[in-house]
C-alpha atoms as a PDB file:
ATOM      1  CA  UNK A   1      71.096  86.397  71.987  1.00  0.00           C
ATOM      2  CA  UNK A   2      71.016  88.974  74.609  1.00  0.00           C
ATOM      3  CA  UNK A   3      74.018  89.268  76.910  1.00  0.00           C
ATOM      4  CA  UNK A   4      73.773  89.164  80.777  1.00  0.00           C
ATOM      5  CA  UNK A   5      75.314  92.673  80.734  1.00  0.00           C
ATOM      6  CA  UNK A   6      72.617  93.965  78.395  1.00  0.00           C
ATOM      7  CA  UNK A   7      69.857  92.277  80.477  1.00  0.00           C
ATOM      8  CA  UNK A   8      71.090  93.904  83.888  1.00  0.00           C
ATOM      9  CA  UNK A   9      71.645  97.322  82.080  1.00  0.00           C
ATOM     10  CA  UNK A  10      67.955  97.105  80.927  1.00  0.00           C
ATOM     11  CA  UNK A  11      66.887  96.267  84.449  1.00  0.00           C
ATOM     12  CA  UNK A  12      68.879  99.195  85.793  1.00  0.00           C
ATOM     13  CA  UNK A  13      67.423 101.593  83.157  1.00  0.00           C
ATOM     14  CA  UNK A  14      64.028 100.859  84.793  1.00  0.00           C
ATOM     15  CA  UNK A  15      65.294 102.879  87.679  1.00  0.00           C
ATOM     16  CA  UNK A  16      66.492 106.476  88.151  1.00  0.00           C
ATOM     17  CA  UNK A  17      69.286 107.452  90.342  1.00  0.00           C
ATOM     18  CA  UNK A  18      68.382 108.799  93.781  1.00  0.00           C
ATOM     19  CA  UNK A  19      70.078 109.041  97.293  1.00  0.00           C
ATOM     20  CA  UNK A  20      67.643 106.595  98.817  1.00  0.00           C
ATOM     21  CA  UNK A  21      66.311 103.468  97.085  1.00  0.00           C
ATOM     22  CA  UNK A  22      62.472 103.104  96.621  1.00  0.00           C
ATOM     23  CA  UNK A  23      61.436 100.562  94.253  1.00  0.00           C
ATOM     24  CA  UNK A  24      57.943 101.575  94.134  1.00  0.00           C
ATOM     25  CA  UNK A  25      58.864 105.082  93.032  1.00  0.00           C
ATOM     26  CA  UNK A  26      61.367 103.577  90.443  1.00  0.00           C
ATOM     27  CA  UNK A  27      64.494 105.058  92.326  1.00  0.00           C
ATOM     28  CA  UNK A  28      67.677 103.346  93.231  1.00  0.00           C
ATOM     29  CA  UNK A  29      70.906 104.433  94.883  1.00  0.00           C
ATOM     30  CA  UNK A  30      74.436 103.428  93.732  1.00  0.00           C
ATOM     31  CA  UNK A  31      75.146 100.838  96.422  1.00  0.00           C
ATOM     32  CA  UNK A  32      71.992  99.100  95.688  1.00  0.00           C
ATOM     33  CA  UNK A  33      72.638  99.074  91.873  1.00  0.00           C
ATOM     34  CA  UNK A  34      76.149  97.939  92.541  1.00  0.00           C
ATOM     35  CA  UNK A  35      74.672  94.973  94.732  1.00  0.00           C
ATOM     36  CA  UNK A  36      72.135  94.299  92.067  1.00  0.00           C
ATOM     37  CA  UNK A  37      74.847  94.042  89.329  1.00  0.00           C
ATOM     38  CA  UNK A  38      76.890  91.621  91.578  1.00  0.00           C
ATOM     39  CA  UNK A  39      73.870  89.638  92.599  1.00  0.00           C
ATOM     40  CA  UNK A  40      72.694  89.152  88.954  1.00  0.00           C
ATOM     41  CA  UNK A  41      76.267  88.585  87.271  1.00  0.00           C
ATOM     42  CA  UNK A  42      78.323  87.186  90.229  1.00  0.00           C
ATOM     43  CA  UNK A  43      81.983  88.054  90.760  1.00  0.00           C
ATOM     44  CA  UNK A  44      83.499  90.538  88.572  1.00  0.00           C
ATOM     45  CA  UNK A  45      86.248  93.047  88.097  1.00  0.00           C
ATOM     46  CA  UNK A  46      85.602  96.626  89.641  1.00  0.00           C
ATOM     47  CA  UNK A  47      86.128  98.203  86.074  1.00  0.00           C
ATOM     48  CA  UNK A  48      83.231  96.293  84.549  1.00  0.00           C
ATOM     49  CA  UNK A  49      81.093  97.134  87.503  1.00  0.00           C
ATOM     50  CA  UNK A  50      81.968 100.805  87.159  1.00  0.00           C
ATOM     51  CA  UNK A  51      81.331 100.724  83.348  1.00  0.00           C
ATOM     52  CA  UNK A  52      77.807  99.296  84.082  1.00  0.00           C
ATOM     53  CA  UNK A  53      77.054 101.864  86.650  1.00  0.00           C
ATOM     54  CA  UNK A  54      78.282 104.500  84.146  1.00  0.00           C
ATOM     55  CA  UNK A  55      76.136 103.287  81.462  1.00  0.00           C
ATOM     56  CA  UNK A  56      73.083 103.426  83.852  1.00  0.00           C
ATOM     57  CA  UNK A  57      73.783 107.060  84.875  1.00  0.00           C
ATOM     58  CA  UNK A  58      74.397 109.772  82.617  1.00  0.00           C
ATOM     59  CA  UNK A  59      77.903 111.353  82.600  1.00  0.00           C
ATOM     60  CA  UNK A  60      78.553 114.140  84.811  1.00  0.00           C
ATOM     61  CA  UNK A  61      78.891 117.639  83.034  1.00  0.00           C
ATOM     62  CA  UNK A  62      82.173 119.365  83.725  1.00  0.00           C
ATOM     63  CA  UNK A  63      81.424 123.081  83.663  1.00  0.00           C
ATOM     64  CA  UNK A  64      85.112 124.089  83.447  1.00  0.00           C
ATOM     65  CA  UNK A  65      85.926 122.090  80.346  1.00  0.00           C
ATOM     66  CA  UNK A  66      82.310 121.895  78.919  1.00  0.00           C
ATOM     67  CA  UNK A  67      82.653 118.135  78.369  1.00  0.00           C
ATOM     68  CA  UNK A  68      80.767 115.185  79.900  1.00  0.00           C
ATOM     69  CA  UNK A  69      82.896 112.819  81.919  1.00  0.00           C
ATOM     70  CA  UNK A  70      82.068 109.406  83.592  1.00  0.00           C
ATOM     71  CA  UNK A  71      81.749 109.214  87.270  1.00  0.00           C
ATOM     72  CA  UNK A  72      84.414 107.588  89.245  1.00  0.00           C
ATOM     73  CA  UNK A  73      82.215 105.394  91.466  1.00  0.00           C
ATOM     74  CA  UNK A  74      85.327 104.351  93.380  1.00  0.00           C
ATOM     75  CA  UNK A  75      84.021 105.223  96.709  1.00  0.00           C
ATOM     76  CA  UNK A  76      81.910 102.044  96.470  1.00  0.00           C
ATOM     77  CA  UNK A  77      85.139 100.045  96.794  1.00  0.00           C
ATOM     78  CA  UNK A  78      86.415 101.716 100.019  1.00  0.00           C
ATOM     79  CA  UNK A  79      86.978  99.494 102.814  1.00  0.00           C
ATOM     80  CA  UNK A  80      87.590 102.012 105.453  1.00  0.00           C
ATOM     81  CA  UNK A  81      85.497 102.051 108.621  1.00  0.00           C
ATOM     82  CA  UNK A  82      86.696 105.295 110.003  1.00  0.00           C
ATOM     83  CA  UNK A  83      85.546 108.312 107.938  1.00  0.00           C
ATOM     84  CA  UNK A  84      85.368 106.561 104.540  1.00  0.00           C
ATOM     85  CA  UNK A  85      82.313 104.796 103.067  1.00  0.00           C
ATOM     86  CA  UNK A  86      83.100 101.275 104.272  1.00  0.00           C
ATOM     87  CA  UNK A  87      81.245  99.469 101.615  1.00  0.00           C
ATOM     88  CA  UNK A  88      83.542  96.407 101.262  1.00  0.00           C
ATOM     89  CA  UNK A  89      83.214  93.465 103.512  1.00  0.00           C
ATOM     90  CA  UNK A  90      86.154  91.340 104.910  1.00  0.00           C
ATOM     91  CA  UNK A  91      84.577  88.109 103.921  1.00  0.00           C
ATOM     92  CA  UNK A  92      81.300  86.793 102.429  1.00  0.00           C
ATOM     93  CA  UNK A  93      79.657  86.364 105.815  1.00  0.00           C
ATOM     94  CA  UNK A  94      80.117  89.851 107.150  1.00  0.00           C
ATOM     95  CA  UNK A  95      76.924  91.889 107.801  1.00  0.00           C
ATOM     96  CA  UNK A  96      78.501  95.090 107.659  1.00  0.00           C
ATOM     97  CA  UNK A  97      80.915  97.647 109.543  1.00  0.00           C
ATOM     98  CA  UNK A  98      80.304  99.795 112.572  1.00  0.00           C
ATOM     99  CA  UNK A  99      81.057 103.403 111.171  1.00  0.00           C
ATOM    100  CA  UNK A 100      81.576 106.778 112.961  1.00  0.00           C
ATOM    101  CA  UNK A 101      82.167 110.448 112.300  1.00  0.00           C
ATOM    102  CA  UNK A 102      85.587 110.403 113.788  1.00  0.00           C
ATOM    103  CA  UNK A 103      87.177 110.969 110.394  1.00  0.00           C
ATOM    104  CA  UNK A 104      90.478 109.038 109.518  1.00  0.00           C
ATOM    105  CA  UNK A 105      91.874 108.953 113.172  1.00  0.00           C
ATOM    106  CA  UNK A 106      90.635 105.387 114.065  1.00  0.00           C
ATOM    107  CA  UNK A 107      88.183 102.573 113.809  1.00  0.00           C
ATOM    108  CA  UNK A 108      85.031 103.199 115.569  1.00  0.00           C
ATOM    109  CA  UNK A 109      85.317  99.940 117.853  1.00  0.00           C
ATOM    110  CA  UNK A 110      88.380 101.570 119.572  1.00  0.00           C
ATOM    111  CA  UNK A 111      86.377 104.750 120.424  1.00  0.00           C
ATOM    112  CA  UNK A 112      82.807 104.052 121.089  1.00  0.00           C
ATOM    113  CA  UNK A 113      81.234 106.283 123.588  1.00  0.00           C
ATOM    114  CA  UNK A 114      83.162 109.478 123.107  1.00  0.00           C
ATOM    115  CA  UNK A 115      81.114 112.608 123.460  1.00  0.00           C
ATOM    116  CA  UNK A 116      79.697 113.977 120.337  1.00  0.00           C
ATOM    117  CA  UNK A 117      80.703 110.925 118.219  1.00  0.00           C
ATOM    118  CA  UNK A 118      77.813 109.535 116.102  1.00  0.00           C
ATOM    119  CA  UNK A 119      77.941 105.787 115.018  1.00  0.00           C
ATOM    120  CA  UNK A 120      76.003 103.882 112.645  1.00  0.00           C
ATOM    121  CA  UNK A 121      76.083 100.398 111.073  1.00  0.00           C
ATOM    122  CA  UNK A 122      76.714 100.247 107.253  1.00  0.00           C
ATOM    123  CA  UNK A 123      75.753  96.936 105.670  1.00  0.00           C
ATOM    124  CA  UNK A 124      78.164  95.452 103.207  1.00  0.00           C
ATOM    125  CA  UNK A 125      76.916  93.858 100.027  1.00  0.00           C
ATOM    126  CA  UNK A 126      80.232  92.752  98.464  1.00  0.00           C
ATOM    127  CA  UNK A 127      83.532  91.694  99.496  1.00  0.00           C
ATOM    128  CA  UNK A 128      87.137  91.648  97.646  1.00  0.00           C
ATOM    129  CA  UNK A 129      87.399  88.251  96.210  1.00  0.00           C
ATOM    130  CA  UNK A 130      90.836  88.979  94.820  1.00  0.00           C
ATOM    131  CA  UNK A 131      92.692  92.098  93.772  1.00  0.00           C
ATOM    132  CA  UNK A 132      90.274  94.076  91.704  1.00  0.00           C
ATOM    133  CA  UNK A 133      87.528  91.613  91.737  1.00  0.00           C
ATOM    134  CA  UNK A 134      84.374  91.712  93.926  1.00  0.00           C
ATOM    135  CA  UNK A 135      81.759  89.201  94.781  1.00  0.00           C
ATOM    136  CA  UNK A 136      78.301  89.444  96.633  1.00  0.00           C
ATOM    137  CA  UNK A 137      78.083  88.658 100.378  1.00  0.00           C
ATOM    138  CA  UNK A 138      75.259  86.947 102.046  1.00  0.00           C
ATOM    139  CA  UNK A 139      74.073  90.484 103.197  1.00  0.00           C
ATOM    140  CA  UNK A 140      73.679  91.197  99.434  1.00  0.00           C
ATOM    141  CA  UNK A 141      71.307  88.333  99.045  1.00  0.00           C
ATOM    142  CA  UNK A 142      69.447  89.525 102.054  1.00  0.00           C
ATOM    143  CA  UNK A 143      69.034  93.127 100.427  1.00  0.00           C
ATOM    144  CA  UNK A 144      68.162  91.742  97.065  1.00  0.00           C
ATOM    145  CA  UNK A 145      65.243  89.825  98.881  1.00  0.00           C
ATOM    146  CA  UNK A 146      64.197  92.959 100.642  1.00  0.00           C
ATOM    147  CA  UNK A 147      64.071  94.882  97.153  1.00  0.00           C
ATOM    148  CA  UNK A 148      62.365  91.836  95.476  1.00  0.00           C
ATOM    149  CA  UNK A 149      65.286  90.779  93.230  1.00  0.00           C
ATOM    150  CA  UNK A 150      65.768  87.441  95.161  1.00  0.00           C
ATOM    151  CA  UNK A 151      65.561  85.227  91.981  1.00  0.00           C
END
């Protein structure tokens, strides 16, 4: 019997990593890969998600030590809205976060309209269910439909 982990890894290995997901070209970014893992496997520990992502992507070569090391992938679990990645939702129904280039100085909703400030909306595909455990959001379901993984 093939495990669900093996099945999702086999699916991920049909894609190469890229900065922008393009299913037709066989490219997927980390955020979509993480969302796919949570969509297919359901709530899981951050360490298990990172393990799957590292099995999908080859290790990073450290030129100073001459060794290969796993990628940390921890930015995917950053909940900051002001200068961080802001990938984590507060609740399962949240669509996303308004982000800015303000840095770590404050949440964009407090500073909108300042000259030179760029803002954007980052969709959130997972939320913190309990400490160290993440689950897919409704926005994750929407993204999976967009990518053709709705079943």
